[in-house]
PDB file of N, CA and C in Angstrom:
ATOM      1  N   MET A   1      85.121 121.512  97.960  1.00  0.00           N
ATOM      2  CA  MET A   1      86.529 121.317  97.656  1.00  0.00           C
ATOM      3  C   MET A   1      86.669 120.385  96.455  1.00  0.00           C
ATOM      4  N   ALA A   2      87.419 120.820  95.496  1.00  0.00           N
ATOM      5  CA  ALA A   2      87.678 119.989  94.325  1.00  0.00           C
ATOM      6  C   ALA A   2      88.781 118.985  94.644  1.00  0.00           C
ATOM      7  N   LEU A   3      88.656 117.801  94.099  1.00  0.00           N
ATOM      8  CA  LEU A   3      89.690 116.784  94.239  1.00  0.00           C
ATOM      9  C   LEU A   3      90.513 116.736  92.968  1.00  0.00           C
ATOM     10  N   THR A   4      91.786 116.429  93.108  1.00  0.00           N
ATOM     11  CA  THR A   4      92.654 116.282  91.947  1.00  0.00           C
ATOM     12  C   THR A   4      92.304 114.972  91.226  1.00  0.00           C
ATOM     13  N   PRO A   5      92.736 114.827  89.974  1.00  0.00           N
ATOM     14  CA  PRO A   5      92.492 113.558  89.282  1.00  0.00           C
ATOM     15  C   PRO A   5      93.034 112.353  90.051  1.00  0.00           C
ATOM     16  N   LYS A   6      94.199 112.507  90.665  1.00  0.00           N
ATOM     17  CA  LYS A   6      94.763 111.396  91.440  1.00  0.00           C
ATOM     18  C   LYS A   6      93.894 111.092  92.649  1.00  0.00           C
ATOM     19  N   GLN A   7      93.413 112.128  93.325  1.00  0.00           N
ATOM     20  CA  GLN A   7      92.541 111.901  94.472  1.00  0.00           C
ATOM     21  C   GLN A   7      91.244 111.209  94.057  1.00  0.00           C
ATOM     22  N   LEU A   8      90.689 111.600  92.902  1.00  0.00           N
ATOM     23  CA  LEU A   8      89.480 110.939  92.411  1.00  0.00           C
ATOM     24  C   LEU A   8      89.742 109.458  92.140  1.00  0.00           C
ATOM     25  N   ALA A   9      90.879 109.176  91.527  1.00  0.00           N
ATOM     26  CA  ALA A   9      91.232 107.782  91.256  1.00  0.00           C
ATOM     27  C   ALA A   9      91.416 107.014  92.557  1.00  0.00           C
ATOM     28  N   ASP A  10      92.089 107.650  93.529  1.00  0.00           N
ATOM     29  CA  ASP A  10      92.279 107.001  94.830  1.00  0.00           C
ATOM     30  C   ASP A  10      90.938 106.767  95.519  1.00  0.00           C
ATOM     31  N   LEU A  11      90.044 107.747  95.429  1.00  0.00           N
ATOM     32  CA  LEU A  11      88.712 107.614  96.012  1.00  0.00           C
ATOM     33  C   LEU A  11      88.024 106.366  95.452  1.00  0.00           C
ATOM     34  N   LEU A  12      88.043 106.210  94.144  1.00  0.00           N
ATOM     35  CA  LEU A  12      87.379 105.067  93.515  1.00  0.00           C
ATOM     36  C   LEU A  12      88.035 103.746  93.888  1.00  0.00           C
ATOM     37  N   LYS A  13      89.361 103.727  93.914  1.00  0.00           N
ATOM     38  CA  LYS A  13      90.058 102.487  94.273  1.00  0.00           C
ATOM     39  C   LYS A  13      89.744 102.081  95.712  1.00  0.00           C
ATOM     40  N   LEU A  14      89.798 103.060  96.626  1.00  0.00           N
ATOM     41  CA  LEU A  14      89.540 102.756  98.030  1.00  0.00           C
ATOM     42  C   LEU A  14      88.096 102.330  98.248  1.00  0.00           C
ATOM     43  N   ARG A  15      87.170 102.986  97.562  1.00  0.00           N
ATOM     44  CA  ARG A  15      85.754 102.611  97.681  1.00  0.00           C
ATOM     45  C   ARG A  15      85.543 101.190  97.158  1.00  0.00           C
ATOM     46  N   ALA A  16      86.206 100.871  96.044  1.00  0.00           N
ATOM     47  CA  ALA A  16      86.095  99.522  95.473  1.00  0.00           C
ATOM     48  C   ALA A  16      86.656  98.465  96.423  1.00  0.00           C
ATOM     49  N   LEU A  17      87.608  98.873  97.241  1.00  0.00           N
ATOM     50  CA  LEU A  17      88.193  97.957  98.223  1.00  0.00           C
ATOM     51  C   LEU A  17      87.345  97.849  99.487  1.00  0.00           C
ATOM     52  N   GLY A  18      86.246  98.612  99.532  1.00  0.00           N
ATOM     53  CA  GLY A  18      85.340  98.516 100.660  1.00  0.00           C
ATOM     54  C   GLY A  18      85.558  99.536 101.765  1.00  0.00           C
ATOM     55  N   TRP A  19      86.406 100.531 101.524  1.00  0.00           N
ATOM     56  CA  TRP A  19      86.638 101.555 102.536  1.00  0.00           C
ATOM     57  C   TRP A  19      85.385 102.402 102.697  1.00  0.00           C
ATOM     58  N   SER A  20      85.144 102.886 103.897  1.00  0.00           N
ATOM     59  CA  SER A  20      84.005 103.768 104.166  1.00  0.00           C
ATOM     60  C   SER A  20      84.343 105.189 103.707  1.00  0.00           C
ATOM     61  N   GLN A  21      83.310 106.004 103.600  1.00  0.00           N
ATOM     62  CA  GLN A  21      83.536 107.405 103.236  1.00  0.00           C
ATOM     63  C   GLN A  21      84.435 108.089 104.265  1.00  0.00           C
ATOM     64  N   LYS A  22      84.245 107.772 105.528  1.00  0.00           N
ATOM     65  CA  LYS A  22      85.068 108.361 106.596  1.00  0.00           C
ATOM     66  C   LYS A  22      86.537 107.965 106.428  1.00  0.00           C
ATOM     67  N   GLU A  23      86.793 106.691 106.170  1.00  0.00           N
ATOM     68  CA  GLU A  23      88.171 106.217 106.000  1.00  0.00           C
ATOM     69  C   GLU A  23      88.826 106.870 104.781  1.00  0.00           C
ATOM     70  N   ILE A  24      88.065 106.986 103.704  1.00  0.00           N
ATOM     71  CA  ILE A  24      88.598 107.602 102.482  1.00  0.00           C
ATOM     72  C   ILE A  24      88.915 109.068 102.741  1.00  0.00           C
ATOM     73  N   ALA A  25      88.011 109.765 103.422  1.00  0.00           N
ATOM     74  CA  ALA A  25      88.232 111.181 103.726  1.00  0.00           C
ATOM     75  C   ALA A  25      89.509 111.376 104.541  1.00  0.00           C
ATOM     76  N   GLU A  26      89.704 110.529 105.526  1.00  0.00           N
ATOM     77  CA  GLU A  26      90.913 110.615 106.351  1.00  0.00           C
ATOM     78  C   GLU A  26      92.160 110.357 105.516  1.00  0.00           C
ATOM     79  N   GLN A  27      92.101 109.365 104.640  1.00  0.00           N
ATOM     80  CA  GLN A  27      93.243 109.022 103.789  1.00  0.00           C
ATOM     81  C   GLN A  27      93.588 110.158 102.837  1.00  0.00           C
ATOM     82  N   LEU A  28      92.561 110.810 102.285  1.00  0.00           N
ATOM     83  CA  LEU A  28      92.792 111.874 101.302  1.00  0.00           C
ATOM     84  C   LEU A  28      92.925 113.252 101.931  1.00  0.00           C
ATOM     85  N   GLY A  29      92.723 113.343 103.236  1.00  0.00           N
ATOM     86  CA  GLY A  29      92.866 114.616 103.923  1.00  0.00           C
ATOM     87  C   GLY A  29      91.757 115.608 103.610  1.00  0.00           C
ATOM     88  N   THR A  30      90.548 115.110 103.523  1.00  0.00           N
ATOM     89  CA  THR A  30      89.402 115.956 103.238  1.00  0.00           C
ATOM     90  C   THR A  30      88.243 115.537 104.121  1.00  0.00           C
ATOM     91  N   SER A  31      87.084 116.140 103.913  1.00  0.00           N
ATOM     92  CA  SER A  31      85.932 115.810 104.754  1.00  0.00           C
ATOM     93  C   SER A  31      85.105 114.676 104.155  1.00  0.00           C
ATOM     94  N   GLN A  32      84.327 114.065 104.999  1.00  0.00           N
ATOM     95  CA  GLN A  32      83.428 112.997 104.577  1.00  0.00           C
ATOM     96  C   GLN A  32      82.374 113.555 103.609  1.00  0.00           C
ATOM     97  N   GLN A  33      81.974 114.801 103.808  1.00  0.00           N
ATOM     98  CA  GLN A  33      80.991 115.430 102.930  1.00  0.00           C
ATOM     99  C   GLN A  33      81.551 115.593 101.510  1.00  0.00           C
ATOM    100  N   VAL A  34      82.817 115.943 101.402  1.00  0.00           N
ATOM    101  CA  VAL A  34      83.449 116.086 100.083  1.00  0.00           C
ATOM    102  C   VAL A  34      83.468 114.739  99.374  1.00  0.00           C
ATOM    103  N   ILE A  35      83.811 113.698 100.101  1.00  0.00           N
ATOM    104  CA  ILE A  35      83.844 112.361  99.504  1.00  0.00           C
ATOM    105  C   ILE A  35      82.449 111.950  99.049  1.00  0.00           C
ATOM    106  N   GLY A  36      81.456 112.170  99.891  1.00  0.00           N
ATOM    107  CA  GLY A  36      80.082 111.837  99.526  1.00  0.00           C
ATOM    108  C   GLY A  36      79.627 112.596  98.286  1.00  0.00           C
ATOM    109  N   TYR A  37      79.972 113.875  98.224  1.00  0.00           N
ATOM    110  CA  TYR A  37      79.608 114.695  97.070  1.00  0.00           C
ATOM    111  C   TYR A  37      80.217 114.126  95.787  1.00  0.00           C
ATOM    112  N   HIS A  38      81.503 113.801  95.829  1.00  0.00           N
ATOM    113  CA  HIS A  38      82.177 113.301  94.628  1.00  0.00           C
ATOM    114  C   HIS A  38      81.680 111.915  94.226  1.00  0.00           C
ATOM    115  N   LEU A  39      81.377 111.075  95.186  1.00  0.00           N
ATOM    116  CA  LEU A  39      80.819 109.762  94.852  1.00  0.00           C
ATOM    117  C   LEU A  39      79.457 109.921  94.175  1.00  0.00           C
ATOM    118  N   LYS A  40      78.646 110.822  94.701  1.00  0.00           N
ATOM    119  CA  LYS A  40      77.330 111.070  94.114  1.00  0.00           C
ATOM    120  C   LYS A  40      77.472 111.631  92.698  1.00  0.00           C
ATOM    121  N   LYS A  41      78.399 112.554  92.523  1.00  0.00           N
ATOM    122  CA  LYS A  41      78.637 113.161  91.209  1.00  0.00           C
ATOM    123  C   LYS A  41      79.134 112.115  90.201  1.00  0.00           C
ATOM    124  N   LEU A  42      80.062 111.278  90.612  1.00  0.00           N
ATOM    125  CA  LEU A  42      80.573 110.231  89.725  1.00  0.00           C
ATOM    126  C   LEU A  42      79.492 109.216  89.369  1.00  0.00           C
ATOM    127  N   LYS A  43      78.639 108.905  90.329  1.00  0.00           N
ATOM    128  CA  LYS A  43      77.547 107.972  90.059  1.00  0.00           C
ATOM    129  C   LYS A  43      76.590 108.556  89.018  1.00  0.00           C
ATOM    130  N   LYS A  44      76.274 109.836  89.159  1.00  0.00           N
ATOM    131  CA  LYS A  44      75.398 110.507  88.198  1.00  0.00           C
ATOM    132  C   LYS A  44      76.030 110.510  86.808  1.00  0.00           C
ATOM    133  N   GLN A  45      77.323 110.847  86.748  1.00  0.00           N
ATOM    134  CA  GLN A  45      78.018 110.868  85.461  1.00  0.00           C
ATOM    135  C   GLN A  45      78.057 109.486  84.836  1.00  0.00           C
ATOM    136  N   SER A  46      78.199 108.464  85.668  1.00  0.00           N
ATOM    137  CA  SER A  46      78.261 107.100  85.126  1.00  0.00           C
ATOM    138  C   SER A  46      76.927 106.692  84.518  1.00  0.00           C
ATOM    139  N   LYS A  47      75.840 107.188  85.090  1.00  0.00           N
ATOM    140  CA  LYS A  47      74.521 106.897  84.520  1.00  0.00           C
ATOM    141  C   LYS A  47      74.336 107.612  83.189  1.00  0.00           C
ATOM    142  N   GLU A  48      74.890 108.808  83.074  1.00  0.00           N
ATOM    143  CA  GLU A  48      74.743 109.605  81.857  1.00  0.00           C
ATOM    144  C   GLU A  48      75.705 109.172  80.750  1.00  0.00           C
ATOM    145  N   ARG A  49      76.937 108.868  81.116  1.00  0.00           N
ATOM    146  CA  ARG A  49      77.980 108.584  80.127  1.00  0.00           C
ATOM    147  C   ARG A  49      78.372 107.115  80.043  1.00  0.00           C
ATOM    148  N   GLY A  50      77.964 106.356  81.015  1.00  0.00           N
ATOM    149  CA  GLY A  50      78.346 104.952  81.080  1.00  0.00           C
ATOM    150  C   GLY A  50      79.400 104.744  82.146  1.00  0.00           C
ATOM    151  N   ALA A  51      79.144 103.784  82.998  1.00  0.00           N
ATOM    152  CA  ALA A  51      80.048 103.528  84.123  1.00  0.00           C
ATOM    153  C   ALA A  51      81.449 103.164  83.662  1.00  0.00           C
ATOM    154  N   ASP A  52      81.548 102.355  82.627  1.00  0.00           N
ATOM    155  CA  ASP A  52      82.868 101.936  82.161  1.00  0.00           C
ATOM    156  C   ASP A  52      83.727 103.130  81.766  1.00  0.00           C
ATOM    157  N   GLU A  53      83.152 104.057  81.031  1.00  0.00           N
ATOM    158  CA  GLU A  53      83.906 105.231  80.572  1.00  0.00           C
ATOM    159  C   GLU A  53      84.382 106.087  81.742  1.00  0.00           C
ATOM    160  N   VAL A  54      83.487 106.402  82.646  1.00  0.00           N
ATOM    161  CA  VAL A  54      83.821 107.299  83.757  1.00  0.00           C
ATOM    162  C   VAL A  54      84.796 106.645  84.728  1.00  0.00           C
ATOM    163  N   PHE A  55      84.471 105.449  85.186  1.00  0.00           N
ATOM    164  CA  PHE A  55      85.292 104.824  86.214  1.00  0.00           C
ATOM    165  C   PHE A  55      86.622 104.302  85.668  1.00  0.00           C
ATOM    166  N   SER A  56      86.644 103.788  84.463  1.00  0.00           N
ATOM    167  CA  SER A  56      87.909 103.336  83.882  1.00  0.00           C
ATOM    168  C   SER A  56      88.871 104.494  83.713  1.00  0.00           C
ATOM    169  N   SER A  57      88.366 105.607  83.240  1.00  0.00           N
ATOM    170  CA  SER A  57      89.220 106.790  83.066  1.00  0.00           C
ATOM    171  C   SER A  57      89.772 107.265  84.401  1.00  0.00           C
ATOM    172  N   ALA A  58      88.935 107.288  85.412  1.00  0.00           N
ATOM    173  CA  ALA A  58      89.379 107.733  86.730  1.00  0.00           C
ATOM    174  C   ALA A  58      90.418 106.782  87.313  1.00  0.00           C
ATOM    175  N   LEU A  59      90.179 105.496  87.202  1.00  0.00           N
ATOM    176  CA  LEU A  59      91.132 104.525  87.730  1.00  0.00           C
ATOM    177  C   LEU A  59      92.454 104.553  86.976  1.00  0.00           C
ATOM    178  N   MET A  60      92.390 104.711  85.676  1.00  0.00           N
ATOM    179  CA  MET A  60      93.616 104.787  84.879  1.00  0.00           C
ATOM    180  C   MET A  60      94.459 105.981  85.287  1.00  0.00           C
ATOM    181  N   ALA A  61      93.824 107.067  85.659  1.00  0.00           N
ATOM    182  CA  ALA A  61      94.564 108.245  86.099  1.00  0.00           C
ATOM    183  C   ALA A  61      95.419 107.918  87.310  1.00  0.00           C
ATOM    184  N   GLY A  62      94.860 107.171  88.228  1.00  0.00           N
ATOM    185  CA  GLY A  62      95.616 106.810  89.420  1.00  0.00           C
ATOM    186  C   GLY A  62      96.671 105.758  89.162  1.00  0.00           C
ATOM    187  N   LEU A  63      96.395 104.843  88.255  1.00  0.00           N
ATOM    188  CA  LEU A  63      97.338 103.759  87.990  1.00  0.00           C
ATOM    189  C   LEU A  63      98.492 104.188  87.103  1.00  0.00           C
ATOM    190  N   ALA A  64      98.235 105.064  86.159  1.00  0.00           N
ATOM    191  CA  ALA A  64      99.267 105.438  85.189  1.00  0.00           C
ATOM    192  C   ALA A  64      99.988 106.717  85.553  1.00  0.00           C
ATOM    193  N   GLY A  65      99.584 107.379  86.621  1.00  0.00           N
ATOM    194  CA  GLY A  65     100.300 108.554  87.071  1.00  0.00           C
ATOM    195  C   GLY A  65      99.848 109.842  86.423  1.00  0.00           C
ATOM    196  N   ALA A  66     100.732 110.810  86.393  1.00  0.00           N
ATOM    197  CA  ALA A  66     100.388 112.164  85.970  1.00  0.00           C
ATOM    198  C   ALA A  66      99.889 112.235  84.533  1.00  0.00           C
ATOM    199  N   ALA A  67     100.466 111.472  83.629  1.00  0.00           N
ATOM    200  CA  ALA A  67     100.038 111.523  82.230  1.00  0.00           C
ATOM    201  C   ALA A  67      98.576 111.128  82.090  1.00  0.00           C
ATOM    202  N   ALA A  68      98.172 110.097  82.783  1.00  0.00           N
ATOM    203  CA  ALA A  68      96.775 109.686  82.730  1.00  0.00           C
ATOM    204  C   ALA A  68      95.888 110.664  83.481  1.00  0.00           C
ATOM    205  N   GLY A  69      96.454 111.358  84.453  1.00  0.00           N
ATOM    206  CA  GLY A  69      95.702 112.376  85.170  1.00  0.00           C
ATOM    207  C   GLY A  69      95.221 113.468  84.241  1.00  0.00           C
ATOM    208  N   VAL A  70      96.049 113.799  83.263  1.00  0.00           N
ATOM    209  CA  VAL A  70      95.656 114.792  82.270  1.00  0.00           C
ATOM    210  C   VAL A  70      94.447 114.288  81.491  1.00  0.00           C
ATOM    211  N   THR A  71      94.439 113.003  81.183  1.00  0.00           N
ATOM    212  CA  THR A  71      93.305 112.410  80.471  1.00  0.00           C
ATOM    213  C   THR A  71      92.031 112.518  81.305  1.00  0.00           C
ATOM    214  N   LEU A  72      92.136 112.275  82.589  1.00  0.00           N
ATOM    215  CA  LEU A  72      90.962 112.374  83.451  1.00  0.00           C
ATOM    216  C   LEU A  72      90.455 113.804  83.508  1.00  0.00           C
ATOM    217  N   VAL A  73      91.360 114.766  83.593  1.00  0.00           N
ATOM    218  CA  VAL A  73      90.938 116.168  83.603  1.00  0.00           C
ATOM    219  C   VAL A  73      90.172 116.481  82.326  1.00  0.00           C
ATOM    220  N   ALA A  74      90.692 116.023  81.195  1.00  0.00           N
ATOM    221  CA  ALA A  74      90.004 116.250  79.919  1.00  0.00           C
ATOM    222  C   ALA A  74      88.631 115.576  79.918  1.00  0.00           C
ATOM    223  N   LEU A  75      88.560 114.370  80.445  1.00  0.00           N
ATOM    224  CA  LEU A  75      87.281 113.657  80.522  1.00  0.00           C
ATOM    225  C   LEU A  75      86.295 114.408  81.395  1.00  0.00           C
ATOM    226  N   LEU A  76      86.756 114.871  82.551  1.00  0.00           N
ATOM    227  CA  LEU A  76      85.867 115.605  83.445  1.00  0.00           C
ATOM    228  C   LEU A  76      85.409 116.918  82.819  1.00  0.00           C
ATOM    229  N   GLU A  77      86.308 117.594  82.088  1.00  0.00           N
ATOM    230  CA  GLU A  77      85.911 118.807  81.387  1.00  0.00           C
ATOM    231  C   GLU A  77      84.863 118.490  80.330  1.00  0.00           C
ATOM    232  N   LEU A  78      85.063 117.403  79.615  1.00  0.00           N
ATOM    233  CA  LEU A  78      84.089 116.979  78.607  1.00  0.00           C
ATOM    234  C   LEU A  78      82.736 116.682  79.255  1.00  0.00           C
ATOM    235  N   LEU A  79      82.775 115.993  80.394  1.00  0.00           N
ATOM    236  CA  LEU A  79      81.538 115.683  81.100  1.00  0.00           C
ATOM    237  C   LEU A  79      80.845 116.958  81.582  1.00  0.00           C
ATOM    238  N   ASN A  80      81.628 117.895  82.087  1.00  0.00           N
ATOM    239  CA  ASN A  80      81.045 119.165  82.538  1.00  0.00           C
ATOM    240  C   ASN A  80      80.427 119.932  81.364  1.00  0.00           C
ATOM    241  N   LYS A  81      81.113 119.947  80.231  1.00  0.00           N
ATOM    242  CA  LYS A  81      80.588 120.637  79.052  1.00  0.00           C
ATOM    243  C   LYS A  81      79.300 119.974  78.582  1.00  0.00           C
ATOM    244  N   SER A  82      79.261 118.655  78.621  1.00  0.00           N
ATOM    245  CA  SER A  82      78.065 117.951  78.167  1.00  0.00           C
ATOM    246  C   SER A  82      76.892 118.194  79.105  1.00  0.00           C
ATOM    247  N   GLN A  83      77.194 118.609  80.323  1.00  0.00           N
ATOM    248  CA  GLN A  83      76.140 118.911  81.290  1.00  0.00           C
ATOM    249  C   GLN A  83      75.810 120.404  81.294  1.00  0.00           C
ATOM    250  N   GLY A  84      76.422 121.150  80.354  1.00  0.00           N
ATOM    251  CA  GLY A  84      76.153 122.574  80.240  1.00  0.00           C
ATOM    252  C   GLY A  84      76.867 123.435  81.259  1.00  0.00           C
ATOM    253  N   LYS A  85      77.953 122.917  81.842  1.00  0.00           N
ATOM    254  CA  LYS A  85      78.678 123.671  82.853  1.00  0.00           C
ATOM    255  C   LYS A  85      79.938 124.300  82.281  1.00  0.00           C
ATOM    256  N   GLY A  86      80.257 124.068  81.039  1.00  0.00           N
ATOM    257  CA  GLY A  86      81.518 124.586  80.513  1.00  0.00           C
ATOM    258  C   GLY A  86      81.270 125.490  79.426  1.00  0.00           C
TER     259      GLY A  86
END
C-alpha cells in the first residue's frame, strides 16, 4: 500500500516522537508491515541521498500542507528515477 505525502510526513513525525510501528499504523489506518516497509525505504533513501534532504522534505510536506505535499511527491519521483524505477 502506498502512503500519501501527508501520511509519510505523519509517519516520520510520529516516529520521531517515539511512537511504535503499531501505534503509527493504527493512527494512519494501515498495517504495521506497511509502516515497516516505508521506514526501511526512507532509511535506504536517506543513506543514498542524505538524511537531511529526504526527511526534511517529508516533514515539510506535513507541516506546510498540500502545497508542500506536491514537493514531496516530486522528491519521491526524483528518488525513484535515480534508483532506476522511473
